[in-house]
Protein backbone atom coordinates (compact mmCIF):
# COMPACT_ATOMS: atom_id res chain seq x y z
CA UNK A 1 -13.43 -29.29 -19.92
CA UNK A 2 -12.85 -29.24 -16.16
CA UNK A 3 -11.83 -25.67 -14.95
CA UNK A 4 -9.32 -25.53 -12.36
CA UNK A 5 -8.50 -22.15 -10.54
CA UNK A 6 -5.13 -22.05 -8.16
CA UNK A 7 -4.88 -19.11 -5.79
CA UNK A 8 -1.13 -18.75 -4.16
CA UNK A 9 -1.44 -17.05 -0.72
CA UNK A 10 -4.28 -18.12 1.83
CA UNK A 11 -4.51 -14.69 3.69
CA UNK A 12 -7.34 -12.49 3.76
CA UNK A 13 -7.41 -11.42 0.06
CA UNK A 14 -6.58 -15.18 -1.20
CA UNK A 15 -9.43 -16.42 0.91
CA UNK A 16 -11.90 -13.85 -0.61
CA UNK A 17 -10.80 -14.81 -4.01
CA UNK A 18 -11.46 -18.37 -3.16
CA UNK A 19 -14.93 -17.63 -1.70
CA UNK A 20 -16.14 -15.45 -4.75
CA UNK A 21 -15.08 -18.22 -7.17
CA UNK A 22 -17.45 -20.50 -5.23
CA UNK A 23 -19.97 -18.17 -4.97
CA UNK A 24 -19.89 -17.48 -8.53
CA UNK A 25 -19.55 -21.09 -9.59
CA UNK A 26 -16.50 -20.28 -11.61
CA UNK A 27 -14.44 -23.77 -11.35
CA UNK A 28 -14.73 -27.12 -10.65
CA UNK A 29 -11.80 -27.07 -8.78
CA UNK A 30 -10.47 -24.39 -6.47
CA UNK A 31 -6.80 -24.85 -4.84
CA UNK A 32 -5.54 -22.64 -1.99
CA UNK A 33 -1.98 -22.84 -1.36
CA UNK A 34 0.16 -21.19 1.29
CA UNK A 35 3.69 -21.89 2.89
CA UNK A 36 2.23 -21.67 6.35
CA UNK A 37 1.73 -25.10 7.70
CA UNK A 38 -2.19 -26.23 7.40
CA UNK A 39 -3.10 -22.74 7.00
CA UNK A 40 -4.62 -23.18 3.36
CA UNK A 41 -6.05 -26.54 4.62
CA UNK A 42 -8.30 -24.56 7.06
CA UNK A 43 -9.32 -22.01 5.22
CA UNK A 44 -10.26 -24.35 2.27
CA UNK A 45 -12.10 -26.88 4.69
CA UNK A 46 -14.03 -23.97 6.11
CA UNK A 47 -14.99 -22.68 2.63
CA UNK A 48 -15.99 -26.37 1.80
CA UNK A 49 -18.09 -26.68 4.60
CA UNK A 50 -20.27 -23.53 3.15
CA UNK A 51 -20.95 -25.41 0.03
CA UNK A 52 -24.29 -26.86 0.92
CA UNK A 53 -25.59 -23.33 1.49
CA UNK A 54 -24.94 -21.86 -1.60
CA UNK A 55 -25.06 -24.54 -3.99
CA UNK A 56 -21.24 -24.95 -4.77
CA UNK A 57 -20.77 -28.57 -6.44
CA UNK A 58 -17.13 -28.39 -7.12
CA UNK A 59 -14.03 -29.26 -5.06
CA UNK A 60 -11.92 -26.77 -2.79
CA UNK A 61 -9.10 -27.81 -1.19
CA UNK A 62 -5.77 -26.47 0.43
CA UNK A 63 -2.36 -27.68 0.38
CA UNK A 64 1.47 -26.30 1.08
CA UNK A 65 2.85 -28.44 -2.07
CA UNK A 66 3.01 -25.94 -5.11
CA UNK A 67 2.41 -28.60 -7.51
CA UNK A 68 -1.01 -28.48 -6.39
CA UNK A 69 -1.46 -25.70 -9.28
CA UNK A 70 -0.78 -28.27 -11.92
CA UNK A 71 -3.16 -27.68 -14.99
CA UNK A 72 -4.77 -24.80 -13.85
CA UNK A 73 -6.33 -22.62 -16.01
CA UNK A 74 -5.78 -19.45 -14.04
CA UNK A 75 -3.45 -18.53 -11.11
CA UNK A 76 -3.84 -16.14 -8.81
CA UNK A 77 -0.83 -14.47 -6.78
CA UNK A 78 -1.81 -12.84 -3.52
CA UNK A 79 1.31 -13.81 -1.57
CA UNK A 80 3.09 -11.33 0.02
CA UNK A 81 3.83 -9.30 3.00
CA UNK A 82 1.80 -6.02 4.03
CA UNK A 83 3.66 -2.84 4.71
CA UNK A 84 4.12 -2.26 8.29
CA UNK A 85 5.04 0.82 10.33
CA UNK A 86 8.60 2.13 9.78
CA UNK A 87 8.71 -0.21 6.63
CA UNK A 88 10.21 1.70 3.13
CA UNK A 89 8.54 0.97 -0.16
CA UNK A 90 11.83 -0.50 -1.10
CA UNK A 91 11.96 -2.69 1.92
CA UNK A 92 8.43 -3.98 1.08
CA UNK A 93 9.58 -4.27 -2.67
CA UNK A 94 12.70 -6.23 -2.13
CA UNK A 95 10.57 -8.62 0.67
CA UNK A 96 7.86 -9.18 -1.95
CA UNK A 97 9.82 -9.39 -4.95
CA UNK A 98 11.21 -12.73 -3.63
CA UNK A 99 8.25 -14.25 -2.72
CA UNK A 100 6.38 -13.38 -6.22
CA UNK A 101 9.42 -14.29 -7.82
CA UNK A 102 9.29 -17.97 -6.19
CA UNK A 103 5.40 -18.27 -7.18
CA UNK A 104 6.19 -16.98 -10.77
CA UNK A 105 9.16 -20.01 -10.87
CA UNK A 106 6.66 -22.65 -9.61
CA UNK A 107 3.82 -21.21 -11.81
CA UNK A 108 6.42 -21.77 -14.77
CA UNK A 109 7.28 -25.13 -13.79
CA UNK A 110 3.72 -26.56 -13.11
CA UNK A 111 1.17 -24.34 -15.12
CA UNK A 112 2.96 -23.08 -17.88
CA UNK A 113 -0.28 -22.73 -20.20
CA UNK A 114 -1.97 -20.79 -17.56
CA UNK A 115 -3.09 -17.21 -17.40
CA UNK A 116 -1.59 -15.15 -14.15
CA UNK A 117 -3.20 -12.66 -12.35
CA UNK A 118 -1.13 -10.64 -9.59
CA UNK A 119 -2.56 -9.11 -6.59
CA UNK A 120 0.49 -8.54 -4.60
CA UNK A 121 2.17 -5.11 -3.86
CA UNK A 122 3.79 -2.88 -4.91
CA UNK A 123 1.40 -4.07 -7.77
CA UNK A 124 2.86 -2.70 -10.95
CA UNK A 125 6.29 -3.83 -10.11
CA UNK A 126 5.06 -7.22 -8.65
CA UNK A 127 3.23 -8.18 -12.05
CA UNK A 128 6.62 -7.02 -13.69
CA UNK A 129 8.51 -9.58 -11.78
CA UNK A 130 6.21 -12.27 -12.70
CA UNK A 131 6.36 -11.46 -16.51
CA UNK A 132 9.86 -11.59 -16.25
CA UNK A 133 10.53 -14.63 -14.39
CA UNK A 134 7.69 -16.86 -16.05
CA UNK A 135 8.73 -15.37 -19.65
CA UNK A 136 4.88 -15.80 -20.49
CA UNK A 137 3.44 -13.58 -23.37
CA UNK A 138 2.22 -10.25 -21.87
CA UNK A 139 -1.28 -11.35 -22.68
CA UNK A 140 -1.17 -14.00 -19.98
CA UNK A 141 0.48 -11.97 -17.10
CA UNK A 142 -1.77 -9.50 -15.61
CA UNK A 143 -2.14 -7.27 -12.63
CA UNK A 144 -5.24 -6.48 -10.69
CA UNK A 145 -5.94 -2.98 -9.40
CA UNK A 146 -7.68 -0.71 -11.76
CA UNK A 147 -10.74 -3.08 -11.35
CA UNK A 148 -10.86 -2.51 -7.56
CA UNK A 149 -10.06 1.38 -7.92
CA UNK A 150 -12.55 1.90 -10.56
CA UNK A 151 -14.94 0.07 -7.87
CA UNK A 152 -14.38 2.28 -5.48
CA UNK A 153 -14.37 5.55 -7.50
CA UNK A 154 -17.82 4.22 -8.71
CA UNK A 155 -19.04 3.74 -5.21
CA UNK A 156 -18.18 7.06 -3.87
CA UNK A 157 -19.80 8.85 -7.09
CA UNK A 158 -22.86 7.00 -6.34
CA UNK A 159 -22.95 7.59 -2.68
CA UNK A 160 -22.52 11.37 -3.14
CA UNK A 161 -25.42 11.49 -5.51
CA UNK A 162 -27.66 9.10 -3.89
CA UNK A 163 -28.22 7.01 -6.89
CA UNK A 164 -27.45 3.03 -7.51
CA UNK A 165 -23.53 2.16 -8.12
CA UNK A 166 -25.00 0.09 -11.04
CA UNK A 167 -25.78 3.00 -13.01
CA UNK A 168 -22.24 4.82 -12.52
CA UNK A 169 -19.96 4.13 -15.06
CA UNK A 170 -16.35 5.43 -14.34
CA UNK A 171 -12.66 4.19 -14.50
CA UNK A 172 -9.44 4.74 -13.08
CA UNK A 173 -6.05 4.50 -14.83
CA UNK A 174 -2.41 4.45 -14.02
CA UNK A 175 -0.49 3.33 -11.13
CA UNK A 176 -2.13 1.52 -7.91
CA UNK A 177 -1.27 4.18 -5.66
CA UNK A 178 -0.69 8.29 -5.29
CA UNK A 179 -0.40 8.25 -9.05
CA UNK A 180 -3.71 6.72 -10.19
CA UNK A 181 -5.67 8.73 -12.52
CA UNK A 182 -9.56 8.65 -11.90
CA UNK A 183 -10.87 9.98 -15.17
CA UNK A 184 -13.32 12.59 -14.00
CA UNK A 185 -14.12 13.77 -17.78
CA UNK A 186 -15.53 10.56 -18.87
CA UNK A 187 -17.28 9.71 -15.43
CA UNK A 188 -21.03 9.57 -16.03
CA UNK A 189 -24.39 8.03 -14.21
CA UNK A 190 -26.62 6.45 -16.81
CA UNK A 191 -24.64 8.43 -19.66
CA UNK A 192 -25.10 11.86 -17.28
CA UNK A 193 -21.97 13.45 -16.68
CA UNK A 194 -20.81 13.86 -13.32
CA UNK A 195 -19.68 17.44 -13.96
CA UNK A 196 -23.49 18.07 -14.61
CA UNK A 197 -24.51 16.55 -11.09
CA UNK A 198 -21.72 17.42 -8.92
CA UNK A 199 -19.71 20.60 -7.93
CA UNK A 200 -15.70 20.60 -8.80
CA UNK A 201 -15.26 20.57 -4.91
CA UNK A 202 -17.18 17.20 -4.72
CA UNK A 203 -15.64 15.84 -7.58
CA UNK A 204 -12.37 16.52 -6.19
CA UNK A 205 -13.17 15.19 -2.87
CA UNK A 206 -14.11 11.66 -4.54
CA UNK A 207 -10.81 11.90 -6.54
CA UNK A 208 -9.03 11.92 -3.28
CA UNK A 209 -11.10 9.41 -1.51
CA UNK A 210 -10.64 6.96 -4.45
CA UNK A 211 -6.73 7.57 -4.26
CA UNK A 212 -6.62 6.69 -0.77
CA UNK A 213 -9.56 4.31 -0.49
CA UNK A 214 -7.20 1.36 0.72
CA UNK A 215 -5.83 3.34 3.41
CA UNK A 216 -8.93 4.55 4.67
CA UNK A 217 -9.99 1.15 5.31
CA UNK A 218 -6.44 0.50 6.84
CA UNK A 219 -7.22 3.22 9.36
CA UNK A 220 -10.23 1.83 10.62
CA UNK A 221 -8.97 -1.77 10.54
CA UNK A 222 -5.93 -0.69 12.66
CA UNK A 223 -4.22 -4.37 11.77
CA UNK A 224 -5.16 -5.49 8.21
CA UNK A 225 -6.47 -3.93 5.17
CA UNK A 226 -9.29 -4.56 2.45
CA UNK A 227 -10.07 -7.84 1.38
CA UNK A 228 -13.72 -8.47 0.28
CA UNK A 229 -13.57 -6.09 -2.90
CA UNK A 230 -10.11 -6.66 -3.66
CA UNK A 231 -10.82 -10.54 -3.88
CA UNK A 232 -14.02 -9.84 -5.81
CA UNK A 233 -12.41 -7.45 -8.31
CA UNK A 234 -9.63 -10.11 -9.13
CA UNK A 235 -12.66 -12.72 -9.62
CA UNK A 236 -14.68 -10.24 -11.83
CA UNK A 237 -11.51 -10.61 -14.12
CA UNK A 238 -11.26 -14.45 -13.75
CA UNK A 239 -14.92 -14.60 -14.82
CA UNK A 240 -14.47 -12.26 -17.99
CA UNK A 241 -11.53 -14.95 -18.97
CA UNK A 242 -12.99 -18.10 -17.88
CA UNK A 243 -16.40 -16.82 -19.95
CA UNK A 244 -14.72 -15.44 -22.43
CA UNK A 245 -17.16 -12.16 -21.89
CA UNK A 246 -14.81 -9.41 -23.36
CA UNK A 247 -15.40 -7.21 -20.41
CA UNK A 248 -13.62 -3.90 -20.56
CA UNK A 249 -11.77 -3.50 -17.26
CA UNK A 250 -8.97 -1.68 -16.15
CA UNK A 251 -5.93 -3.71 -15.72
CA UNK A 252 -2.12 -3.33 -14.88
CA UNK A 253 -0.64 -4.44 -18.43
CA UNK A 254 2.56 -4.47 -20.36
CA UNK A 255 2.65 -1.32 -22.56
CA UNK A 256 4.73 -1.26 -25.73
CA UNK A 257 4.26 2.14 -26.92
CA UNK A 258 0.69 2.74 -25.88
CA UNK A 259 0.07 6.32 -24.22
CA UNK A 260 3.62 6.83 -25.29
CA UNK A 261 4.81 4.80 -22.65
CA UNK A 262 7.22 1.71 -23.15
CA UNK A 263 8.19 -1.20 -20.86
CA UNK A 264 6.13 -0.79 -17.82
CA UNK A 265 3.07 -2.44 -16.19
CA UNK A 266 0.14 0.46 -15.92
CA UNK A 267 -3.14 0.16 -15.40
CA UNK A 268 -5.30 0.98 -18.47
CA UNK A 269 -8.68 -0.44 -20.06
CA UNK A 270 -8.31 -3.66 -21.73
CA UNK A 271 -11.02 -6.24 -23.17
CA UNK A 272 -10.48 -9.29 -21.05
CA UNK A 273 -11.33 -12.92 -22.98
CA UNK A 274 -10.33 -16.52 -23.33
CA UNK A 275 -6.76 -15.45 -23.98
CA UNK A 276 -6.24 -13.03 -21.17
CA UNK A 277 -5.88 -9.40 -22.53
CA UNK A 278 -7.67 -9.50 -26.01
CA UNK A 279 -6.94 -5.72 -26.65
CA UNK A 280 -5.40 -2.68 -24.88
CA UNK A 281 -7.64 0.23 -25.61
CA UNK A 282 -5.95 3.40 -26.33
CA UNK A 283 -8.27 6.47 -25.64
CA UNK A 284 -7.56 10.05 -26.25
CA UNK A 285 -6.77 11.67 -23.08
CA UNK A 286 -6.02 15.46 -22.39
CA UNK A 287 -2.56 16.76 -22.01
CA UNK A 288 -3.27 17.05 -18.11
CA UNK A 289 -4.54 13.35 -17.88
CA UNK A 290 -1.33 12.27 -19.93
CA UNK A 291 0.87 13.77 -17.76
CA UNK A 292 -0.49 12.17 -14.81
CA UNK A 293 -0.29 8.89 -16.44
CA UNK A 294 3.43 9.08 -17.51
CA UNK A 295 4.36 10.50 -13.96
CA UNK A 296 3.26 7.03 -12.79
CA UNK A 297 5.15 5.37 -15.52
CA UNK A 298 8.25 7.05 -14.46
CA UNK A 299 7.12 5.68 -10.85
CA UNK A 300 6.95 2.24 -12.11
CA UNK A 301 10.39 2.47 -13.88
CA UNK A 302 11.92 3.43 -10.71
CA UNK A 303 10.50 0.71 -9.05
CA UNK A 304 11.22 -1.81 -11.67
CA UNK A 305 15.04 -0.71 -11.53
CA UNK A 306 15.10 -1.75 -7.73
CA UNK A 307 13.71 -5.09 -8.58
CA UNK A 308 17.23 -5.83 -10.49
CA UNK A 309 15.62 -7.92 -13.03
């Protein structure tokens, strides 16, 4: 079966998703879509010209016509405005809600059997918008954040210890933002708990840096934000789905009682396979960890109310 991957939003993150999908040779057809005239066409042509250099034999093209997503197995939504100085969280939410809502309506119309991965911010609210508007079952609407946050967490641990990031196993749960929960208790290097290798102060510094990992990049860049790792984190999810790898990744998913949380999207570990979310993994948390997770859920509830869906 021909695999088709569509990406709505040809900004830095959307283009990064397309690039990594080509590098990993995950689809025979990759479509970039953007409302800005010719933007997606230009980005896609640039990517297509790189095909001979790393051996991508598929087709990549760009368009402003949203019907281009037809017959896609997976559709990624990266469209949305970035937060600018002086803009409140509520302002950003209302602007991006309308953008994601229109994307979801198009997906419902042209790719009704697809799995949707939302990357737009504020993430946990935007994936809720896509879920409500498409009406798709919850296993087919997923938010990308925990995979990115966990990668940052693992890198900072590896950097602090001077070891290979490949040997670091660690995960971040909860909201993509201030209320995220980097699990220090379970983080380890080749099975060795980080508490055996790092001081409490060093661990706290890593947790803090993980929480504000995106902000640190924004500060350096001055204009723009992270795009290389967000793109690869998204494609990591896509690969697990398309190859039915059953990877355990942290994703923003709709909770219906898991962890005592109801009716919000929140980052938790899941098994990703050909059906999207194959299973939500409910692990035992300490009372302190559970408190942080539920604070994040409350924050999500407030954002959801603001969407008026």
